[in-house]
Amino acid sequence: MGLWSVELPAPKAQAHSMSASRKESVVTDVIERLRHDFPRARAARIGRIVSEEYDALVANHIRIELYVPNLVEHSARERLTDAN
C-alpha cells in the first residue's frame, strides 16, 4: 500500500470482471490523490467513500476498466466536497 494505508472494507459477494487486487490498486491510488486535496478528512472516511464508489460502479456494470479510477475519484471527490 501507499503512504496513506487504509484497511478496505471486505468486498461484497458479487460477480464482476475486476479482481480484488485490481480494486485494491485503484482504491489505493484514488485515496492517495484525495488525501492531498482533503487533508482534514480522516483517511478511514476517504477509504470508505472511495471503496463504496468503486463497488457502486462495479455493481452498475461499469466494466470499462480504463474509466473506473476516474469515475471513482470523481464521485468520491463530490462526496468529500459536499461534506465540507
PDB file of N, CA and C in Angstrom:
ATOM      1  N   MET A   1       0.831  -1.179   0.000  1.00  0.00           N
ATOM      2  CA  MET A   1       0.000   0.000   0.000  1.00  0.00           C
ATOM      3  C   MET A   1       0.873   1.239   0.000  1.00  0.00           C
ATOM      4  N   GLY A   2       0.269   2.354  -0.346  1.00  0.00           N
ATOM      5  CA  GLY A   2       0.991   3.596  -0.412  1.00  0.00           C
ATOM      6  C   GLY A   2       1.138   4.264   0.944  1.00  0.00           C
ATOM      7  N   LEU A   3       1.481   5.501   0.897  1.00  0.00           N
ATOM      8  CA  LEU A   3       1.735   6.293   2.086  1.00  0.00           C
ATOM      9  C   LEU A   3       0.536   6.354   3.019  1.00  0.00           C
ATOM     10  N   TRP A   4      -0.674   6.414   2.492  1.00  0.00           N
ATOM     11  CA  TRP A   4      -1.893   6.549   3.285  1.00  0.00           C
ATOM     12  C   TRP A   4      -2.579   5.208   3.386  1.00  0.00           C
ATOM     13  N   SER A   5      -2.073   4.329   4.170  1.00  0.00           N
ATOM     14  CA  SER A   5      -2.627   2.992   4.299  1.00  0.00           C
ATOM     15  C   SER A   5      -3.992   3.040   4.975  1.00  0.00           C
ATOM     16  N   VAL A   6      -4.933   2.367   4.362  1.00  0.00           N
ATOM     17  CA  VAL A   6      -6.293   2.303   4.880  1.00  0.00           C
ATOM     18  C   VAL A   6      -6.766   0.874   4.707  1.00  0.00           C
ATOM     19  N   GLU A   7      -7.379   0.336   5.744  1.00  0.00           N
ATOM     20  CA  GLU A   7      -7.937  -1.000   5.624  1.00  0.00           C
ATOM     21  C   GLU A   7      -9.257  -0.885   4.877  1.00  0.00           C
ATOM     22  N   LEU A   8      -9.355  -1.572   3.754  1.00  0.00           N
ATOM     23  CA  LEU A   8     -10.554  -1.506   2.933  1.00  0.00           C
ATOM     24  C   LEU A   8     -11.610  -2.462   3.447  1.00  0.00           C
ATOM     25  N   PRO A   9     -12.888  -2.076   3.337  1.00  0.00           N
ATOM     26  CA  PRO A   9     -13.951  -2.997   3.722  1.00  0.00           C
ATOM     27  C   PRO A   9     -13.892  -4.256   2.858  1.00  0.00           C
ATOM     28  N   ALA A  10     -14.349  -5.362   3.424  1.00  0.00           N
ATOM     29  CA  ALA A  10     -14.375  -6.612   2.655  1.00  0.00           C
ATOM     30  C   ALA A  10     -15.303  -6.440   1.466  1.00  0.00           C
ATOM     31  N   PRO A  11     -14.908  -6.939   0.294  1.00  0.00           N
ATOM     32  CA  PRO A  11     -15.763  -6.797  -0.882  1.00  0.00           C
ATOM     33  C   PRO A  11     -17.064  -7.570  -0.717  1.00  0.00           C
ATOM     34  N   LYS A  12     -18.121  -6.994  -1.258  1.00  0.00           N
ATOM     35  CA  LYS A  12     -19.414  -7.673  -1.226  1.00  0.00           C
ATOM     36  C   LYS A  12     -19.383  -8.844  -2.196  1.00  0.00           C
ATOM     37  N   ALA A  13     -20.152  -9.872  -1.880  1.00  0.00           N
ATOM     38  CA  ALA A  13     -20.192 -11.048  -2.748  1.00  0.00           C
ATOM     39  C   ALA A  13     -20.959 -10.695  -4.014  1.00  0.00           C
ATOM     40  N   GLN A  14     -20.231 -10.553  -5.098  1.00  0.00           N
ATOM     41  CA  GLN A  14     -20.849 -10.280  -6.380  1.00  0.00           C
ATOM     42  C   GLN A  14     -19.880 -10.681  -7.480  1.00  0.00           C
ATOM     43  N   ALA A  15     -20.427 -11.063  -8.574  1.00  0.00           N
ATOM     44  CA  ALA A  15     -19.589 -11.470  -9.700  1.00  0.00           C
ATOM     45  C   ALA A  15     -19.284 -10.239 -10.537  1.00  0.00           C
ATOM     46  N   HIS A  16     -18.026 -10.012 -10.789  1.00  0.00           N
ATOM     47  CA  HIS A  16     -17.640  -8.929 -11.677  1.00  0.00           C
ATOM     48  C   HIS A  16     -16.289  -9.257 -12.270  1.00  0.00           C
ATOM     49  N   SER A  17     -15.917  -8.488 -13.288  1.00  0.00           N
ATOM     50  CA  SER A  17     -14.713  -8.819 -14.029  1.00  0.00           C
ATOM     51  C   SER A  17     -13.433  -8.299 -13.384  1.00  0.00           C
ATOM     52  N   MET A  18     -13.543  -7.347 -12.487  1.00  0.00           N
ATOM     53  CA  MET A  18     -12.337  -6.777 -11.904  1.00  0.00           C
ATOM     54  C   MET A  18     -11.958  -7.548 -10.647  1.00  0.00           C
ATOM     55  N   SER A  19     -10.712  -7.911 -10.543  1.00  0.00           N
ATOM     56  CA  SER A  19     -10.235  -8.712  -9.421  1.00  0.00           C
ATOM     57  C   SER A  19     -10.086  -7.870  -8.158  1.00  0.00           C
ATOM     58  N   ALA A  20      -9.974  -8.555  -7.030  1.00  0.00           N
ATOM     59  CA  ALA A  20      -9.785  -7.878  -5.748  1.00  0.00           C
ATOM     60  C   ALA A  20      -8.470  -7.101  -5.742  1.00  0.00           C
ATOM     61  N   SER A  21      -7.437  -7.637  -6.372  1.00  0.00           N
ATOM     62  CA  SER A  21      -6.159  -6.927  -6.402  1.00  0.00           C
ATOM     63  C   SER A  21      -6.261  -5.664  -7.254  1.00  0.00           C
ATOM     64  N   ARG A  22      -7.052  -5.718  -8.315  1.00  0.00           N
ATOM     65  CA  ARG A  22      -7.271  -4.530  -9.150  1.00  0.00           C
ATOM     66  C   ARG A  22      -8.028  -3.480  -8.348  1.00  0.00           C
ATOM     67  N   LYS A  23      -9.042  -3.908  -7.590  1.00  0.00           N
ATOM     68  CA  LYS A  23      -9.797  -2.973  -6.755  1.00  0.00           C
ATOM     69  C   LYS A  23      -8.853  -2.299  -5.763  1.00  0.00           C
ATOM     70  N   GLU A  24      -8.038  -3.087  -5.081  1.00  0.00           N
ATOM     71  CA  GLU A  24      -7.121  -2.523  -4.094  1.00  0.00           C
ATOM     72  C   GLU A  24      -6.196  -1.495  -4.737  1.00  0.00           C
ATOM     73  N   SER A  25      -5.700  -1.804  -5.918  1.00  0.00           N
ATOM     74  CA  SER A  25      -4.805  -0.895  -6.622  1.00  0.00           C
ATOM     75  C   SER A  25      -5.509   0.415  -6.976  1.00  0.00           C
ATOM     76  N   VAL A  26      -6.701   0.320  -7.548  1.00  0.00           N
ATOM     77  CA  VAL A  26      -7.461   1.510  -7.937  1.00  0.00           C
ATOM     78  C   VAL A  26      -7.807   2.335  -6.709  1.00  0.00           C
ATOM     79  N   VAL A  27      -8.359   1.683  -5.691  1.00  0.00           N
ATOM     80  CA  VAL A  27      -8.804   2.381  -4.480  1.00  0.00           C
ATOM     81  C   VAL A  27      -7.614   3.054  -3.790  1.00  0.00           C
ATOM     82  N   THR A  28      -6.503   2.373  -3.670  1.00  0.00           N
ATOM     83  CA  THR A  28      -5.321   2.937  -3.027  1.00  0.00           C
ATOM     84  C   THR A  28      -4.829   4.174  -3.773  1.00  0.00           C
ATOM     85  N   ASP A  29      -4.775   4.097  -5.098  1.00  0.00           N
ATOM     86  CA  ASP A  29      -4.325   5.242  -5.895  1.00  0.00           C
ATOM     87  C   ASP A  29      -5.248   6.441  -5.727  1.00  0.00           C
ATOM     88  N   VAL A  30      -6.554   6.197  -5.759  1.00  0.00           N
ATOM     89  CA  VAL A  30      -7.518   7.293  -5.612  1.00  0.00           C
ATOM     90  C   VAL A  30      -7.424   7.891  -4.204  1.00  0.00           C
ATOM     91  N   ILE A  31      -7.305   7.045  -3.184  1.00  0.00           N
ATOM     92  CA  ILE A  31      -7.173   7.540  -1.811  1.00  0.00           C
ATOM     93  C   ILE A  31      -5.959   8.455  -1.693  1.00  0.00           C
ATOM     94  N   GLU A  32      -4.844   8.067  -2.247  1.00  0.00           N
ATOM     95  CA  GLU A  32      -3.628   8.869  -2.152  1.00  0.00           C
ATOM     96  C   GLU A  32      -3.827  10.236  -2.794  1.00  0.00           C
ATOM     97  N   ARG A  33      -4.499  10.271  -3.945  1.00  0.00           N
ATOM     98  CA  ARG A  33      -4.748  11.562  -4.599  1.00  0.00           C
ATOM     99  C   ARG A  33      -5.697  12.426  -3.768  1.00  0.00           C
ATOM    100  N   LEU A  34      -6.746  11.826  -3.226  1.00  0.00           N
ATOM    101  CA  LEU A  34      -7.733  12.599  -2.476  1.00  0.00           C
ATOM    102  C   LEU A  34      -7.197  13.078  -1.124  1.00  0.00           C
ATOM    103  N   ARG A  35      -6.288  12.341  -0.517  1.00  0.00           N
ATOM    104  CA  ARG A  35      -5.704  12.771   0.755  1.00  0.00           C
ATOM    105  C   ARG A  35      -4.998  14.120   0.605  1.00  0.00           C
ATOM    106  N   HIS A  36      -4.415  14.369  -0.548  1.00  0.00           N
ATOM    107  CA  HIS A  36      -3.741  15.647  -0.783  1.00  0.00           C
ATOM    108  C   HIS A  36      -4.752  16.784  -0.908  1.00  0.00           C
ATOM    109  N   ASP A  37      -5.904  16.516  -1.495  1.00  0.00           N
ATOM    110  CA  ASP A  37      -6.924  17.546  -1.693  1.00  0.00           C
ATOM    111  C   ASP A  37      -7.832  17.735  -0.483  1.00  0.00           C
ATOM    112  N   PHE A  38      -7.912  16.728   0.376  1.00  0.00           N
ATOM    113  CA  PHE A  38      -8.764  16.770   1.564  1.00  0.00           C
ATOM    114  C   PHE A  38      -7.948  16.383   2.804  1.00  0.00           C
ATOM    115  N   PRO A  39      -6.938  17.194   3.157  1.00  0.00           N
ATOM    116  CA  PRO A  39      -6.042  16.826   4.251  1.00  0.00           C
ATOM    117  C   PRO A  39      -6.721  16.747   5.615  1.00  0.00           C
ATOM    118  N   ARG A  40      -7.847  17.424   5.795  1.00  0.00           N
ATOM    119  CA  ARG A  40      -8.529  17.384   7.089  1.00  0.00           C
ATOM    120  C   ARG A  40      -9.483  16.201   7.211  1.00  0.00           C
ATOM    121  N   ALA A  41      -9.769  15.528   6.116  1.00  0.00           N
ATOM    122  CA  ALA A  41     -10.654  14.352   6.162  1.00  0.00           C
ATOM    123  C   ALA A  41      -9.878  13.158   6.706  1.00  0.00           C
ATOM    124  N   ARG A  42     -10.544  12.361   7.524  1.00  0.00           N
ATOM    125  CA  ARG A  42      -9.902  11.159   8.068  1.00  0.00           C
ATOM    126  C   ARG A  42      -9.638  10.159   6.942  1.00  0.00           C
ATOM    127  N   ALA A  43      -8.496   9.521   7.003  1.00  0.00           N
ATOM    128  CA  ALA A  43      -8.112   8.541   5.986  1.00  0.00           C
ATOM    129  C   ALA A  43      -9.138   7.415   5.901  1.00  0.00           C
ATOM    130  N   ALA A  44      -9.656   6.979   7.046  1.00  0.00           N
ATOM    131  CA  ALA A  44     -10.639   5.891   7.045  1.00  0.00           C
ATOM    132  C   ALA A  44     -11.911   6.304   6.319  1.00  0.00           C
ATOM    133  N   ARG A  45     -12.310   7.560   6.482  1.00  0.00           N
ATOM    134  CA  ARG A  45     -13.522   8.046   5.807  1.00  0.00           C
ATOM    135  C   ARG A  45     -13.303   8.106   4.303  1.00  0.00           C
ATOM    136  N   ILE A  46     -12.164   8.627   3.890  1.00  0.00           N
ATOM    137  CA  ILE A  46     -11.861   8.674   2.464  1.00  0.00           C
ATOM    138  C   ILE A  46     -11.829   7.264   1.902  1.00  0.00           C
ATOM    139  N   GLY A  47     -11.186   6.345   2.613  1.00  0.00           N
ATOM    140  CA  GLY A  47     -11.119   4.956   2.157  1.00  0.00           C
ATOM    141  C   GLY A  47     -12.487   4.323   2.012  1.00  0.00           C
ATOM    142  N   ARG A  48     -13.374   4.588   2.976  1.00  0.00           N
ATOM    143  CA  ARG A  48     -14.729   4.031   2.922  1.00  0.00           C
ATOM    144  C   ARG A  48     -15.495   4.594   1.735  1.00  0.00           C
ATOM    145  N   ILE A  49     -15.412   5.908   1.533  1.00  0.00           N
ATOM    146  CA  ILE A  49     -16.131   6.543   0.422  1.00  0.00           C
ATOM    147  C   ILE A  49     -15.621   6.026  -0.917  1.00  0.00           C
ATOM    148  N   VAL A  50     -14.314   5.970  -1.074  1.00  0.00           N
ATOM    149  CA  VAL A  50     -13.736   5.507  -2.338  1.00  0.00           C
ATOM    150  C   VAL A  50     -14.135   4.057  -2.604  1.00  0.00           C
ATOM    151  N   SER A  51     -14.071   3.220  -1.575  1.00  0.00           N
ATOM    152  CA  SER A  51     -14.451   1.817  -1.731  1.00  0.00           C
ATOM    153  C   SER A  51     -15.927   1.680  -2.097  1.00  0.00           C
ATOM    154  N   GLU A  52     -16.790   2.486  -1.453  1.00  0.00           N
ATOM    155  CA  GLU A  52     -18.219   2.453  -1.775  1.00  0.00           C
ATOM    156  C   GLU A  52     -18.474   2.881  -3.211  1.00  0.00           C
ATOM    157  N   GLU A  53     -17.778   3.914  -3.655  1.00  0.00           N
ATOM    158  CA  GLU A  53     -17.961   4.385  -5.034  1.00  0.00           C
ATOM    159  C   GLU A  53     -17.484   3.334  -6.036  1.00  0.00           C
ATOM    160  N   TYR A  54     -16.393   2.672  -5.728  1.00  0.00           N
ATOM    161  CA  TYR A  54     -15.894   1.607  -6.593  1.00  0.00           C
ATOM    162  C   TYR A  54     -16.931   0.493  -6.695  1.00  0.00           C
ATOM    163  N   ASP A  55     -17.430   0.043  -5.532  1.00  0.00           N
ATOM    164  CA  ASP A  55     -18.428  -1.037  -5.520  1.00  0.00           C
ATOM    165  C   ASP A  55     -19.689  -0.641  -6.277  1.00  0.00           C
ATOM    166  N   ALA A  56     -20.109   0.625  -6.148  1.00  0.00           N
ATOM    167  CA  ALA A  56     -21.309   1.089  -6.849  1.00  0.00           C
ATOM    168  C   ALA A  56     -21.117   1.037  -8.363  1.00  0.00           C
ATOM    169  N   LEU A  57     -19.949   1.430  -8.828  1.00  0.00           N
ATOM    170  CA  LEU A  57     -19.691   1.381 -10.273  1.00  0.00           C
ATOM    171  C   LEU A  57     -19.684  -0.058 -10.782  1.00  0.00           C
ATOM    172  N   VAL A  58     -19.034  -0.925 -10.042  1.00  0.00           N
ATOM    173  CA  VAL A  58     -18.969  -2.330 -10.462  1.00  0.00           C
ATOM    174  C   VAL A  58     -20.359  -2.954 -10.416  1.00  0.00           C
ATOM    175  N   ALA A  59     -21.141  -2.629  -9.381  1.00  0.00           N
ATOM    176  CA  ALA A  59     -22.499  -3.169  -9.261  1.00  0.00           C
ATOM    177  C   ALA A  59     -23.381  -2.696 -10.412  1.00  0.00           C
ATOM    178  N   ASN A  60     -23.079  -1.519 -10.935  1.00  0.00           N
ATOM    179  CA  ASN A  60     -23.843  -0.981 -12.061  1.00  0.00           C
ATOM    180  C   ASN A  60     -23.235  -1.378 -13.399  1.00  0.00           C
ATOM    181  N   HIS A  61     -22.367  -2.362 -13.358  1.00  0.00           N
ATOM    182  CA  HIS A  61     -21.797  -2.966 -14.563  1.00  0.00           C
ATOM    183  C   HIS A  61     -20.921  -2.016 -15.374  1.00  0.00           C
ATOM    184  N   ILE A  62     -20.246  -1.113 -14.669  1.00  0.00           N
ATOM    185  CA  ILE A  62     -19.248  -0.286 -15.334  1.00  0.00           C
ATOM    186  C   ILE A  62     -18.013  -1.157 -15.463  1.00  0.00           C
ATOM    187  N   ARG A  63     -17.769  -1.667 -16.639  1.00  0.00           N
ATOM    188  CA  ARG A  63     -16.706  -2.648 -16.815  1.00  0.00           C
ATOM    189  C   ARG A  63     -15.559  -2.157 -17.696  1.00  0.00           C
ATOM    190  N   ILE A  64     -15.633  -0.938 -18.130  1.00  0.00           N
ATOM    191  CA  ILE A  64     -14.532  -0.414 -18.923  1.00  0.00           C
ATOM    192  C   ILE A  64     -13.471   0.043 -17.922  1.00  0.00           C
ATOM    193  N   GLU A  65     -12.550  -0.845 -17.637  1.00  0.00           N
ATOM    194  CA  GLU A  65     -11.592  -0.646 -16.550  1.00  0.00           C
ATOM    195  C   GLU A  65     -10.798   0.646 -16.672  1.00  0.00           C
ATOM    196  N   LEU A  66     -10.572   1.104 -17.861  1.00  0.00           N
ATOM    197  CA  LEU A  66      -9.808   2.324 -18.064  1.00  0.00           C
ATOM    198  C   LEU A  66     -10.458   3.514 -17.358  1.00  0.00           C
ATOM    199  N   TYR A  67     -11.794   3.548 -17.311  1.00  0.00           N
ATOM    200  CA  TYR A  67     -12.509   4.692 -16.752  1.00  0.00           C
ATOM    201  C   TYR A  67     -12.821   4.559 -15.264  1.00  0.00           C
ATOM    202  N   VAL A  68     -12.740   3.376 -14.707  1.00  0.00           N
ATOM    203  CA  VAL A  68     -13.140   3.154 -13.325  1.00  0.00           C
ATOM    204  C   VAL A  68     -12.383   4.059 -12.348  1.00  0.00           C
ATOM    205  N   PRO A  69     -11.055   4.170 -12.396  1.00  0.00           N
ATOM    206  CA  PRO A  69     -10.375   5.046 -11.434  1.00  0.00           C
ATOM    207  C   PRO A  69     -10.863   6.499 -11.503  1.00  0.00           C
ATOM    208  N   ASN A  70     -11.055   7.027 -12.704  1.00  0.00           N
ATOM    209  CA  ASN A  70     -11.519   8.409 -12.843  1.00  0.00           C
ATOM    210  C   ASN A  70     -12.939   8.581 -12.330  1.00  0.00           C
ATOM    211  N   LEU A  71     -13.805   7.633 -12.621  1.00  0.00           N
ATOM    212  CA  LEU A  71     -15.185   7.715 -12.153  1.00  0.00           C
ATOM    213  C   LEU A  71     -15.255   7.610 -10.632  1.00  0.00           C
ATOM    214  N   VAL A  72     -14.463   6.711 -10.055  1.00  0.00           N
ATOM    215  CA  VAL A  72     -14.419   6.550  -8.603  1.00  0.00           C
ATOM    216  C   VAL A  72     -13.923   7.850  -7.959  1.00  0.00           C
ATOM    217  N   GLU A  73     -12.834   8.388  -8.474  1.00  0.00           N
ATOM    218  CA  GLU A  73     -12.275   9.613  -7.900  1.00  0.00           C
ATOM    219  C   GLU A  73     -13.268  10.770  -8.006  1.00  0.00           C
ATOM    220  N   HIS A  74     -13.916  10.914  -9.143  1.00  0.00           N
ATOM    221  CA  HIS A  74     -14.886  11.998  -9.331  1.00  0.00           C
ATOM    222  C   HIS A  74     -16.024  11.899  -8.312  1.00  0.00           C
ATOM    223  N   SER A  75     -16.596  10.722  -8.162  1.00  0.00           N
ATOM    224  CA  SER A  75     -17.715  10.537  -7.225  1.00  0.00           C
ATOM    225  C   SER A  75     -17.281  10.744  -5.782  1.00  0.00           C
ATOM    226  N   ALA A  76     -16.123  10.217  -5.419  1.00  0.00           N
ATOM    227  CA  ALA A  76     -15.623  10.374  -4.052  1.00  0.00           C
ATOM    228  C   ALA A  76     -15.309  11.844  -3.773  1.00  0.00           C
ATOM    229  N   ARG A  77     -14.721  12.522  -4.743  1.00  0.00           N
ATOM    230  CA  ARG A  77     -14.398  13.944  -4.588  1.00  0.00           C
ATOM    231  C   ARG A  77     -15.669  14.765  -4.348  1.00  0.00           C
ATOM    232  N   GLU A  78     -16.743  14.475  -5.080  1.00  0.00           N
ATOM    233  CA  GLU A  78     -18.014  15.170  -4.877  1.00  0.00           C
ATOM    234  C   GLU A  78     -18.539  14.961  -3.471  1.00  0.00           C
ATOM    235  N   ARG A  79     -18.495  13.727  -2.979  1.00  0.00           N
ATOM    236  CA  ARG A  79     -18.988  13.444  -1.642  1.00  0.00           C
ATOM    237  C   ARG A  79     -18.156  14.131  -0.567  1.00  0.00           C
ATOM    238  N   LEU A  80     -16.852  14.154  -0.747  1.00  0.00           N
ATOM    239  CA  LEU A  80     -15.984  14.817   0.233  1.00  0.00           C
ATOM    240  C   LEU A  80     -16.167  16.330   0.197  1.00  0.00           C
ATOM    241  N   THR A  81     -16.371  16.895  -0.981  1.00  0.00           N
ATOM    242  CA  THR A  81     -16.595  18.332  -1.110  1.00  0.00           C
ATOM    243  C   THR A  81     -17.930  18.716  -0.481  1.00  0.00           C
ATOM    244  N   ASP A  82     -18.954  17.930  -0.693  1.00  0.00           N
ATOM    245  CA  ASP A  82     -20.272  18.208  -0.124  1.00  0.00           C
ATOM    246  C   ASP A  82     -20.254  18.173   1.400  1.00  0.00           C
ATOM    247  N   ALA A  83     -19.364  17.381   1.971  1.00  0.00           N
ATOM    248  CA  ALA A  83     -19.296  17.237   3.428  1.00  0.00           C
ATOM    249  C   ALA A  83     -18.578  18.417   4.082  1.00  0.00           C
ATOM    250  N   ASN A  84     -17.806  19.166   3.294  1.00  0.00           N
ATOM    251  CA  ASN A  84     -17.037  20.306   3.864  1.00  0.00           C
ATOM    252  C   ASN A  84     -17.784  21.587   3.772  1.00  0.00           C
TER     253      ASN A  84
END
